[in-house]
Protein backbone atom coordinates (compact mmCIF):
# COMPACT_ATOMS: atom_id res chain seq x y z
CA MET A 1 28.18 2.43 -43.43
CA SER A 2 25.87 0.36 -45.61
CA MET A 3 22.09 0.57 -45.41
CA PRO A 4 21.67 -2.93 -43.87
CA GLY A 5 24.25 -2.01 -41.23
CA LYS A 6 22.39 1.19 -40.36
CA LEU A 7 19.11 -0.71 -40.13
CA LEU A 8 20.69 -3.31 -37.87
CA ILE A 9 22.13 -0.68 -35.53
CA GLY A 10 18.84 1.31 -35.58
CA GLY A 11 16.89 -1.83 -34.76
CA PHE A 12 19.23 -2.64 -31.91
CA PHE A 13 18.80 0.78 -30.34
CA ALA A 14 15.02 0.73 -30.86
CA GLY A 15 14.85 -2.63 -29.07
CA LEU A 16 17.06 -1.33 -26.28
CA PHE A 17 14.81 1.73 -25.87
CA LEU A 18 11.61 -0.34 -25.75
CA THR A 19 13.14 -2.68 -23.18
CA ALA A 20 14.13 0.26 -20.99
CA VAL A 21 10.76 2.04 -21.26
CA SER A 22 8.45 -0.98 -20.92
CA PRO A 23 9.19 -1.83 -17.24
CA GLN A 24 8.67 1.80 -16.28
CA ALA A 25 5.24 1.88 -17.91
CA ASP A 26 4.32 -1.38 -16.19
CA ALA A 27 5.57 -0.07 -12.84
CA LEU A 28 3.47 3.08 -13.21
CA GLY A 29 0.36 1.01 -13.99
CA ARG A 30 1.05 -1.22 -10.99
CA ARG A 31 1.50 1.84 -8.78
CA ASP A 32 -1.86 3.26 -9.91
CA GLU A 33 -3.46 -0.10 -9.07
CA GLN A 34 -1.93 -0.03 -5.59
CA ASP A 35 -3.03 3.56 -5.02
CA GLU A 36 -6.59 2.71 -6.07
CA ALA A 37 -6.69 -0.28 -3.71
CA ARG A 38 -5.32 1.79 -0.83
CA ARG A 39 -7.89 4.56 -1.38
CA ALA A 40 -10.71 2.00 -1.45
CA MET A 41 -9.47 0.46 1.81
CA LEU A 42 -9.08 3.84 3.53
CA ASP A 43 -12.57 4.85 2.35
CA GLY A 44 -13.98 1.69 3.94
CA GLN A 45 -15.02 0.19 0.60
CA ILE A 46 -12.85 -2.92 0.96
CA MET A 47 -11.29 -4.95 3.78
CA PRO A 48 -7.54 -4.75 4.45
CA PHE A 49 -5.61 -6.91 1.99
CA SER A 50 -3.99 -8.98 4.77
CA ILE A 51 -7.43 -10.26 5.84
CA LEU A 52 -8.49 -11.04 2.27
CA LYS A 53 -5.24 -12.88 1.59
CA ARG A 54 -5.54 -14.91 4.81
CA ARG A 55 -9.00 -16.10 3.75
CA ALA A 56 -7.82 -17.03 0.25
CA ASP A 57 -4.74 -18.81 1.69
CA ALA A 58 -7.02 -20.90 3.92
CA ALA A 59 -9.13 -21.89 0.92
CA MET A 60 -6.06 -22.79 -1.16
CA GLY A 61 -4.41 -25.00 1.45
CA ASP A 62 -0.81 -25.85 0.57
CA ALA A 63 -0.72 -23.83 -2.69
CA THR A 64 2.12 -21.34 -3.21
CA TYR A 65 1.03 -17.70 -3.33
CA LEU A 66 2.46 -15.68 -6.26
CA GLY A 67 0.81 -12.26 -6.08
CA PRO A 68 -2.29 -10.05 -6.27
CA GLU A 69 -4.04 -7.92 -8.85
CA PHE A 70 -6.65 -5.30 -7.90
CA LEU A 71 -9.63 -5.38 -10.27
CA PRO A 72 -12.54 -3.01 -10.91
CA ASN A 73 -15.57 -3.30 -8.64
CA ASN A 74 -13.36 -3.73 -5.55
CA ARG A 75 -12.20 -7.26 -6.29
CA TYR A 76 -8.82 -8.89 -5.98
CA ARG A 77 -7.44 -11.68 -8.15
CA LEU A 78 -4.86 -13.71 -6.23
CA LYS A 79 -2.50 -15.99 -8.12
CA TYR A 80 -1.34 -19.34 -6.73
CA VAL A 81 0.47 -22.46 -7.95
CA LYS A 82 -0.96 -25.79 -6.85
CA ASP A 83 0.06 -29.21 -8.15
CA GLY A 84 2.08 -27.57 -10.92
CA GLN A 85 -0.85 -25.49 -12.22
CA VAL A 86 -1.54 -21.79 -11.88
CA VAL A 87 -4.82 -21.02 -10.10
CA TRP A 88 -6.47 -17.60 -9.90
CA ILE A 89 -8.83 -16.87 -7.02
CA ASP A 90 -11.17 -13.87 -7.25
CA VAL A 91 -12.03 -12.36 -3.87
CA ASP A 92 -14.73 -9.78 -3.15
CA GLY A 93 -12.92 -6.94 -1.40
CA ARG A 94 -16.01 -5.88 0.55
CA THR A 95 -16.94 -9.26 2.06
CA GLY A 96 -13.80 -11.38 1.69
CA ASP A 97 -15.83 -14.09 -0.07
CA ILE A 98 -14.23 -16.12 -2.84
CA ILE A 99 -16.35 -15.36 -5.89
CA GLY A 100 -14.39 -17.15 -8.60
CA ARG A 101 -11.67 -19.68 -9.31
CA ALA A 102 -9.91 -20.45 -12.60
CA ARG A 103 -7.01 -22.59 -13.78
């Protein structure tokens, strides 16, 4: 087999490997984030997520909820779509107050 052929096949398998490994690494990071949020809630540091989400939903009106992200300092960033634009809402996990909004 020629050198360019070997490089092409090697590149294909390297890409295949990275595609297979990448979601696993992301899933592990997401799992750590969920574990951290759960520990904080069980320790009484933050309110249950369902209450925080309900408050953010009320503030966002008819926006479509896409998902959460747990941030340092016991905050959540909730992602919504409203009028065709993505909107992030930062919520204080201790008080449930909306502390930031970005488009």
